[in-house]
Amino acid sequence: MQIYDIQDYGSARRFPWLPLLALIIVLAHFAGPVFPGLAFDCASATTGPVNIPVNLAIAIGLATAVGVDPIKAGFGIVGLCCLGTAISVLTYGVLFGGSLGVSGS
C-alpha cells in the first residue's frame, strides 16, 4: 500500500519547496556568517514536541476542510514551517545584520 503517490499532483504542485530552498540559499549568501547557522537552528526548533502536534492538528483540519487527504497534506506543513522560520531569520540577517555589528565578509 502506497501512502504518498506523487503522480496524482500536477507538476506545479509537485515540488513547492524548491523555490523556497533556492531562496534560502540566496539569503544565506547575503545574510552574513552568523545568520545561516542561527536560521537552521531556529528551523529545527519548529519541530519540537509542542509545535508539531499543533501544526499537524491545523494541517489536518485545513486538509479536511479543503477536501484533500490529510495523510498526504499533513506532514508538508511541518516542512513548510521549518522553511518559513529559516527564511525569516535569514531575511532579518540580510536587512539588519550590519546594524548588529555583524559584517558579511
Foldseek 3Di string as FASTA:
>chain_A
DDDDDLVVDDPCPSCPCVVLVVLLVVLVLQLADPQQVVQQVQLVVCPDPVNLVVQLVVQQVVCVVVPHDSVHRRCVSSVVSSSVSSSVSSVCSNVCVVVVVGDRD
